Amino acid sequence: MKLFSSQILIIIVFFTSCGNTSPIKLIHKSPLELSKISSIEILKNNAPPDTIKYFWKQLTDEQIKSFVNEWNKVFVQETRKYFPAFEIEIYLKDGSSRNFRATNKYIKEKTDWCFDFNDSLYFEKLYGAARLKGNQ
């Protein structure tokens, strides 16, 4: 009887772990409100850190609108672990900030749930067109 109940437990665990394979919507994803954003900065990371020096750049108003629109319309694709190619810091008018980590077309905020921006060069283009911090 003990062997039978162990087998049943294994079967239940197997079927519940193999159940839903569709993308899961993350309930805790916080949208961005354009009117509450003071500025957004982006940094290109490099590895190893001793080869090329990158600087924080500030996004233009058009880039901020683009980023906010993209962030607000994406949904969770999957969990991923990666060395972030870009760091994005959003400064809000209330003095708080939000930090994002991105690589290729994926971005994440607090956890390893990645959101797909559907453009593998989006963050590269964002960094390339942004202005050096302090320059107008």
N, C-alpha and C. Protein backbone atom coordinates (compact mmCIF):
# COMPACT_ATOMS: atom_id res chain seq x y z
N MET A 1 0.82 -1.19 0.00
CA MET A 1 0.00 0.00 0.00
C MET A 1 0.87 1.26 0.00
N LYS A 2 1.96 1.23 0.75
CA LYS A 2 2.85 2.37 0.82
C LYS A 2 3.49 2.63 -0.55
N LEU A 3 3.86 1.58 -1.27
CA LEU A 3 4.44 1.70 -2.59
C LEU A 3 3.43 2.31 -3.56
N PHE A 4 2.18 1.88 -3.47
CA PHE A 4 1.13 2.40 -4.34
C PHE A 4 0.91 3.90 -4.11
N SER A 5 0.86 4.34 -2.84
CA SER A 5 0.66 5.76 -2.55
C SER A 5 1.86 6.60 -2.99
N SER A 6 3.06 6.04 -2.93
CA SER A 6 4.25 6.74 -3.42
C SER A 6 4.18 6.92 -4.93
N GLN A 7 3.72 5.90 -5.62
CA GLN A 7 3.59 5.98 -7.08
C GLN A 7 2.53 7.02 -7.47
N ILE A 8 1.45 7.05 -6.76
CA ILE A 8 0.39 8.03 -7.02
C ILE A 8 0.94 9.45 -6.83
N LEU A 9 1.70 9.67 -5.76
CA LEU A 9 2.29 10.97 -5.48
C LEU A 9 3.23 11.39 -6.62
N ILE A 10 4.05 10.46 -7.09
CA ILE A 10 4.97 10.76 -8.20
C ILE A 10 4.20 11.12 -9.45
N ILE A 11 3.15 10.40 -9.74
CA ILE A 11 2.33 10.68 -10.93
C ILE A 11 1.68 12.06 -10.82
N ILE A 12 1.16 12.39 -9.66
CA ILE A 12 0.53 13.70 -9.46
C ILE A 12 1.55 14.82 -9.66
N VAL A 13 2.72 14.67 -9.06
CA VAL A 13 3.78 15.68 -9.21
C VAL A 13 4.18 15.81 -10.68
N PHE A 14 4.33 14.70 -11.38
CA PHE A 14 4.72 14.72 -12.78
C PHE A 14 3.70 15.47 -13.63
N PHE A 15 2.43 15.16 -13.48
CA PHE A 15 1.42 15.79 -14.31
C PHE A 15 1.19 17.26 -13.96
N THR A 16 1.31 17.62 -12.71
CA THR A 16 1.13 19.03 -12.36
C THR A 16 2.32 19.86 -12.81
N SER A 17 3.51 19.30 -12.85
CA SER A 17 4.68 20.06 -13.29
C SER A 17 4.73 20.17 -14.81
N CYS A 18 4.08 19.29 -15.53
CA CYS A 18 4.09 19.32 -16.99
C CYS A 18 2.81 19.90 -17.56
N GLY A 19 2.04 20.54 -16.75
CA GLY A 19 0.74 21.02 -17.19
C GLY A 19 0.77 22.15 -18.17
N ASN A 20 0.74 23.36 -17.72
CA ASN A 20 0.59 24.54 -18.56
C ASN A 20 1.94 24.99 -19.10
N THR A 21 2.10 24.99 -20.42
CA THR A 21 3.36 25.43 -21.01
C THR A 21 3.19 26.76 -21.73
N SER A 22 2.01 27.36 -21.69
CA SER A 22 1.81 28.65 -22.35
C SER A 22 2.42 29.77 -21.51
N PRO A 23 2.76 30.92 -22.14
CA PRO A 23 3.32 32.03 -21.37
C PRO A 23 2.38 32.47 -20.25
N ILE A 24 2.95 32.82 -19.14
CA ILE A 24 2.18 33.23 -17.97
C ILE A 24 2.21 34.75 -17.89
N LYS A 25 1.05 35.33 -17.72
CA LYS A 25 1.02 36.79 -17.55
C LYS A 25 1.39 37.10 -16.11
N LEU A 26 2.32 38.02 -15.95
CA LEU A 26 2.78 38.42 -14.63
C LEU A 26 1.88 39.52 -14.11
N ILE A 27 1.18 39.26 -13.04
CA ILE A 27 0.21 40.20 -12.49
C ILE A 27 0.90 41.45 -11.93
N HIS A 28 2.12 41.30 -11.43
CA HIS A 28 2.79 42.38 -10.73
C HIS A 28 3.59 43.32 -11.63
N LYS A 29 3.45 43.22 -12.94
CA LYS A 29 4.16 44.13 -13.84
C LYS A 29 3.56 45.53 -13.69
N SER A 30 4.40 46.48 -13.32
CA SER A 30 3.92 47.85 -13.11
C SER A 30 4.09 48.67 -14.38
N PRO A 31 2.99 49.22 -14.90
CA PRO A 31 3.11 50.07 -16.08
C PRO A 31 3.82 51.37 -15.73
N LEU A 32 4.31 52.05 -16.74
CA LEU A 32 4.94 53.35 -16.56
C LEU A 32 3.96 54.43 -16.98
N GLU A 33 3.96 55.53 -16.24
CA GLU A 33 3.13 56.69 -16.58
C GLU A 33 4.05 57.80 -17.03
N LEU A 34 3.91 58.19 -18.28
CA LEU A 34 4.78 59.20 -18.88
C LEU A 34 4.80 60.49 -18.07
N SER A 35 3.66 60.89 -17.55
CA SER A 35 3.56 62.16 -16.81
C SER A 35 4.32 62.13 -15.48
N LYS A 36 4.65 60.94 -14.98
CA LYS A 36 5.35 60.83 -13.69
C LYS A 36 6.86 60.67 -13.85
N ILE A 37 7.35 60.60 -15.10
CA ILE A 37 8.77 60.38 -15.34
C ILE A 37 9.51 61.70 -15.46
N SER A 38 10.58 61.83 -14.70
CA SER A 38 11.43 63.00 -14.76
C SER A 38 12.48 62.83 -15.87
N SER A 39 13.16 61.67 -15.88
CA SER A 39 14.15 61.38 -16.92
C SER A 39 14.46 59.88 -16.92
N ILE A 40 15.07 59.45 -18.02
CA ILE A 40 15.51 58.06 -18.13
C ILE A 40 16.95 58.06 -18.62
N GLU A 41 17.78 57.25 -17.97
CA GLU A 41 19.19 57.11 -18.37
C GLU A 41 19.46 55.67 -18.74
N ILE A 42 20.41 55.48 -19.65
CA ILE A 42 20.78 54.14 -20.10
C ILE A 42 22.29 54.02 -20.09
N LEU A 43 22.77 52.85 -19.68
CA LEU A 43 24.20 52.55 -19.64
C LEU A 43 24.43 51.26 -20.40
N LYS A 44 25.41 51.27 -21.27
CA LYS A 44 25.79 50.05 -21.98
C LYS A 44 26.87 49.37 -21.15
N ASN A 45 26.61 48.13 -20.77
CA ASN A 45 27.59 47.35 -20.00
C ASN A 45 28.55 46.68 -20.97
N ASN A 46 29.71 46.39 -20.50
CA ASN A 46 30.65 45.63 -21.32
C ASN A 46 31.32 44.58 -20.45
N ALA A 47 31.71 43.51 -21.10
CA ALA A 47 32.41 42.44 -20.40
C ALA A 47 33.56 42.00 -21.27
N PRO A 48 34.73 41.88 -20.76
CA PRO A 48 35.15 42.26 -19.41
C PRO A 48 35.16 43.77 -19.25
N PRO A 49 35.00 44.23 -18.00
CA PRO A 49 34.82 45.66 -17.76
C PRO A 49 36.06 46.53 -18.02
N ASP A 50 37.17 45.95 -18.36
CA ASP A 50 38.37 46.76 -18.55
C ASP A 50 38.69 47.05 -20.02
N THR A 51 37.81 46.71 -20.94
CA THR A 51 38.13 46.87 -22.36
C THR A 51 37.66 48.21 -22.92
N ILE A 52 36.41 48.55 -22.74
CA ILE A 52 35.85 49.78 -23.29
C ILE A 52 35.06 50.48 -22.20
N LYS A 53 35.18 51.77 -22.13
CA LYS A 53 34.45 52.55 -21.13
C LYS A 53 33.19 53.12 -21.77
N TYR A 54 32.04 52.81 -21.19
CA TYR A 54 30.78 53.38 -21.64
C TYR A 54 30.27 54.35 -20.59
N PHE A 55 29.45 55.29 -21.02
CA PHE A 55 28.95 56.33 -20.13
C PHE A 55 27.42 56.28 -20.08
N TRP A 56 26.90 56.76 -18.95
CA TRP A 56 25.45 56.91 -18.85
C TRP A 56 25.01 57.95 -19.85
N LYS A 57 23.91 57.67 -20.55
CA LYS A 57 23.33 58.60 -21.49
C LYS A 57 21.89 58.87 -21.10
N GLN A 58 21.41 60.05 -21.45
CA GLN A 58 20.04 60.44 -21.12
C GLN A 58 19.17 60.33 -22.37
N LEU A 59 18.00 59.72 -22.20
CA LEU A 59 17.09 59.58 -23.32
C LEU A 59 16.41 60.90 -23.65
N THR A 60 16.12 61.11 -24.92
CA THR A 60 15.37 62.28 -25.35
C THR A 60 13.89 62.07 -25.02
N ASP A 61 13.10 63.13 -25.16
CA ASP A 61 11.66 63.02 -24.89
C ASP A 61 11.00 61.98 -25.80
N GLU A 62 11.39 61.95 -27.07
CA GLU A 62 10.83 60.96 -28.00
C GLU A 62 11.23 59.53 -27.61
N GLN A 63 12.46 59.34 -27.17
CA GLN A 63 12.91 58.02 -26.74
C GLN A 63 12.17 57.58 -25.48
N ILE A 64 11.92 58.52 -24.58
CA ILE A 64 11.18 58.19 -23.36
C ILE A 64 9.77 57.73 -23.72
N LYS A 65 9.11 58.44 -24.63
CA LYS A 65 7.76 58.04 -25.07
C LYS A 65 7.79 56.64 -25.69
N SER A 66 8.79 56.38 -26.52
CA SER A 66 8.93 55.08 -27.16
C SER A 66 9.12 53.98 -26.13
N PHE A 67 10.02 54.21 -25.18
CA PHE A 67 10.29 53.21 -24.14
C PHE A 67 9.04 52.93 -23.31
N VAL A 68 8.36 53.98 -22.89
CA VAL A 68 7.14 53.82 -22.09
C VAL A 68 6.09 53.03 -22.86
N ASN A 69 5.89 53.36 -24.13
CA ASN A 69 4.91 52.64 -24.95
C ASN A 69 5.28 51.17 -25.09
N GLU A 70 6.55 50.89 -25.37
CA GLU A 70 6.99 49.50 -25.51
C GLU A 70 6.82 48.73 -24.21
N TRP A 71 7.24 49.31 -23.10
CA TRP A 71 7.13 48.64 -21.81
C TRP A 71 5.67 48.34 -21.46
N ASN A 72 4.80 49.30 -21.68
CA ASN A 72 3.40 49.13 -21.30
C ASN A 72 2.66 48.11 -22.15
N LYS A 73 3.13 47.83 -23.35
CA LYS A 73 2.40 46.89 -24.22
C LYS A 73 2.96 45.47 -24.21
N VAL A 74 4.11 45.22 -23.60
CA VAL A 74 4.70 43.88 -23.63
C VAL A 74 4.06 42.97 -22.60
N PHE A 75 4.22 41.66 -22.80
CA PHE A 75 3.75 40.67 -21.85
C PHE A 75 4.90 39.71 -21.55
N VAL A 76 4.76 38.96 -20.49
CA VAL A 76 5.81 38.07 -20.05
C VAL A 76 6.02 36.95 -21.06
N GLN A 77 7.24 36.72 -21.43
CA GLN A 77 7.57 35.61 -22.32
C GLN A 77 8.07 34.41 -21.51
N GLU A 78 9.06 34.65 -20.68
CA GLU A 78 9.69 33.54 -19.95
C GLU A 78 10.66 34.10 -18.92
N THR A 79 11.17 33.22 -18.09
CA THR A 79 12.23 33.63 -17.19
C THR A 79 13.56 33.39 -17.88
N ARG A 80 14.50 34.30 -17.68
CA ARG A 80 15.83 34.19 -18.28
C ARG A 80 16.86 34.74 -17.30
N LYS A 81 18.01 34.14 -17.35
CA LYS A 81 19.16 34.67 -16.61
C LYS A 81 20.18 35.07 -17.66
N TYR A 82 20.70 36.28 -17.53
CA TYR A 82 21.70 36.76 -18.49
C TYR A 82 22.49 37.90 -17.87
N PHE A 83 23.68 38.12 -18.43
CA PHE A 83 24.45 39.30 -18.07
C PHE A 83 23.85 40.45 -18.86
N PRO A 84 23.32 41.47 -18.19
CA PRO A 84 22.64 42.54 -18.92
C PRO A 84 23.61 43.37 -19.76
N ALA A 85 23.23 43.60 -21.01
CA ALA A 85 24.02 44.44 -21.90
C ALA A 85 23.75 45.92 -21.62
N PHE A 86 22.58 46.21 -21.04
CA PHE A 86 22.20 47.59 -20.75
C PHE A 86 21.52 47.68 -19.39
N GLU A 87 21.76 48.79 -18.72
CA GLU A 87 21.02 49.13 -17.50
C GLU A 87 20.23 50.38 -17.81
N ILE A 88 19.00 50.40 -17.37
CA ILE A 88 18.13 51.55 -17.61
C ILE A 88 17.59 52.02 -16.27
N GLU A 89 17.81 53.27 -15.98
CA GLU A 89 17.36 53.86 -14.72
C GLU A 89 16.31 54.91 -15.04
N ILE A 90 15.13 54.74 -14.44
CA ILE A 90 14.03 55.68 -14.64
C ILE A 90 13.87 56.49 -13.37
N TYR A 91 14.00 57.81 -13.50
CA TYR A 91 13.85 58.71 -12.37
C TYR A 91 12.44 59.32 -12.43
N LEU A 92 11.71 59.13 -11.34
CA LEU A 92 10.34 59.63 -11.28
C LEU A 92 10.31 60.99 -10.58
N LYS A 93 9.28 61.76 -10.86
CA LYS A 93 9.16 63.11 -10.32
C LYS A 93 8.99 63.12 -8.80
N ASP A 94 8.57 62.00 -8.21
CA ASP A 94 8.40 61.94 -6.76
C ASP A 94 9.71 61.61 -6.03
N GLY A 95 10.81 61.51 -6.78
CA GLY A 95 12.13 61.25 -6.18
C GLY A 95 12.53 59.78 -6.18
N SER A 96 11.62 58.89 -6.50
CA SER A 96 11.95 57.46 -6.55
C SER A 96 12.50 57.10 -7.93
N SER A 97 12.93 55.87 -8.07
CA SER A 97 13.46 55.41 -9.36
C SER A 97 13.13 53.94 -9.56
N ARG A 98 13.22 53.52 -10.81
CA ARG A 98 13.03 52.11 -11.18
C ARG A 98 14.22 51.71 -12.04
N ASN A 99 14.73 50.50 -11.79
CA ASN A 99 15.90 50.02 -12.51
C ASN A 99 15.55 48.80 -13.35
N PHE A 100 15.98 48.82 -14.61
CA PHE A 100 15.74 47.72 -15.54
C PHE A 100 17.07 47.20 -16.06
N ARG A 101 17.08 45.92 -16.46
CA ARG A 101 18.25 45.29 -17.06
C ARG A 101 17.80 44.71 -18.39
N ALA A 102 18.59 44.96 -19.43
CA ALA A 102 18.16 44.51 -20.77
C ALA A 102 19.32 43.89 -21.53
N THR A 103 18.96 43.04 -22.46
CA THR A 103 19.91 42.47 -23.41
C THR A 103 19.14 42.10 -24.66
N ASN A 104 19.74 42.34 -25.80
CA ASN A 104 19.06 42.09 -27.08
C ASN A 104 17.66 42.69 -27.04
N LYS A 105 16.64 41.86 -27.12
CA LYS A 105 15.26 42.36 -27.12
C LYS A 105 14.53 42.12 -25.81
N TYR A 106 15.22 41.57 -24.82
CA TYR A 106 14.58 41.23 -23.55
C TYR A 106 14.93 42.24 -22.46
N ILE A 107 13.97 42.48 -21.60
CA ILE A 107 14.16 43.41 -20.49
C ILE A 107 13.48 42.84 -19.25
N LYS A 108 14.08 43.11 -18.11
CA LYS A 108 13.47 42.69 -16.84
C LYS A 108 13.70 43.77 -15.80
N GLU A 109 12.84 43.74 -14.78
CA GLU A 109 12.95 44.77 -13.75
C GLU A 109 13.46 44.16 -12.45
N LYS A 110 12.61 43.64 -11.61
CA LYS A 110 13.03 43.17 -10.29
C LYS A 110 13.36 41.69 -10.25
N THR A 111 12.76 40.93 -11.13
CA THR A 111 12.94 39.48 -11.10
C THR A 111 13.57 39.02 -12.41
N ASP A 112 13.56 37.72 -12.65
CA ASP A 112 14.08 37.18 -13.91
C ASP A 112 13.00 36.97 -14.95
N TRP A 113 11.77 37.49 -14.71
CA TRP A 113 10.74 37.45 -15.73
C TRP A 113 11.11 38.45 -16.81
N CYS A 114 11.29 37.98 -18.03
CA CYS A 114 11.70 38.83 -19.14
C CYS A 114 10.51 39.21 -20.00
N PHE A 115 10.57 40.42 -20.48
CA PHE A 115 9.57 40.95 -21.39
C PHE A 115 10.23 41.14 -22.74
N ASP A 116 9.54 40.81 -23.80
CA ASP A 116 10.08 40.80 -25.15
C ASP A 116 9.68 42.07 -25.90
N PHE A 117 10.67 42.91 -26.24
CA PHE A 117 10.42 44.15 -26.98
C PHE A 117 10.34 43.90 -28.48
N ASN A 118 10.54 42.67 -28.93
CA ASN A 118 10.38 42.25 -30.32
C ASN A 118 11.33 42.92 -31.31
N ASP A 119 12.37 43.56 -30.86
CA ASP A 119 13.37 44.17 -31.74
C ASP A 119 14.73 43.93 -31.11
N SER A 120 15.52 43.07 -31.72
CA SER A 120 16.80 42.68 -31.12
C SER A 120 17.81 43.83 -31.07
N LEU A 121 17.53 44.94 -31.74
CA LEU A 121 18.43 46.09 -31.71
C LEU A 121 17.83 47.29 -30.97
N TYR A 122 16.68 47.11 -30.35
CA TYR A 122 15.99 48.23 -29.71
C TYR A 122 16.89 48.97 -28.71
N PHE A 123 17.48 48.26 -27.80
CA PHE A 123 18.28 48.91 -26.75
C PHE A 123 19.60 49.45 -27.30
N GLU A 124 20.15 48.78 -28.28
CA GLU A 124 21.37 49.27 -28.95
C GLU A 124 21.08 50.61 -29.64
N LYS A 125 19.94 50.69 -30.34
CA LYS A 125 19.56 51.93 -31.01
C LYS A 125 19.23 53.02 -29.99
N LEU A 126 18.60 52.64 -28.91
CA LEU A 126 18.26 53.59 -27.86
C LEU A 126 19.53 54.22 -27.29
N TYR A 127 20.52 53.39 -26.99
CA TYR A 127 21.77 53.89 -26.45
C TYR A 127 22.52 54.75 -27.49
N GLY A 128 22.54 54.30 -28.71
CA GLY A 128 23.26 55.02 -29.76
C GLY A 128 22.70 56.41 -30.02
N ALA A 129 21.39 56.58 -29.92
CA ALA A 129 20.76 57.86 -30.21
C ALA A 129 20.62 58.77 -28.97
N ALA A 130 20.84 58.21 -27.80
CA ALA A 130 20.72 59.02 -26.56
C ALA A 130 21.89 59.98 -26.47
N ARG A 131 21.70 61.03 -25.68
CA ARG A 131 22.78 62.04 -25.52
C ARG A 131 23.55 61.78 -24.23
N LEU A 132 24.82 62.15 -24.25
CA LEU A 132 25.62 61.99 -23.03
C LEU A 132 24.97 62.78 -21.90
N LYS A 133 25.00 62.21 -20.74
CA LYS A 133 24.39 62.83 -19.57
C LYS A 133 24.98 64.23 -19.36
N GLY A 134 24.12 65.21 -19.18
CA GLY A 134 24.58 66.57 -18.98
C GLY A 134 24.59 67.40 -20.26
N ASN A 135 24.54 66.75 -21.43
CA ASN A 135 24.50 67.47 -22.71
C ASN A 135 23.05 67.63 -23.15
N GLN A 136 22.70 68.76 -23.67
CA GLN A 136 21.34 69.00 -24.16
C GLN A 136 21.30 68.99 -25.66
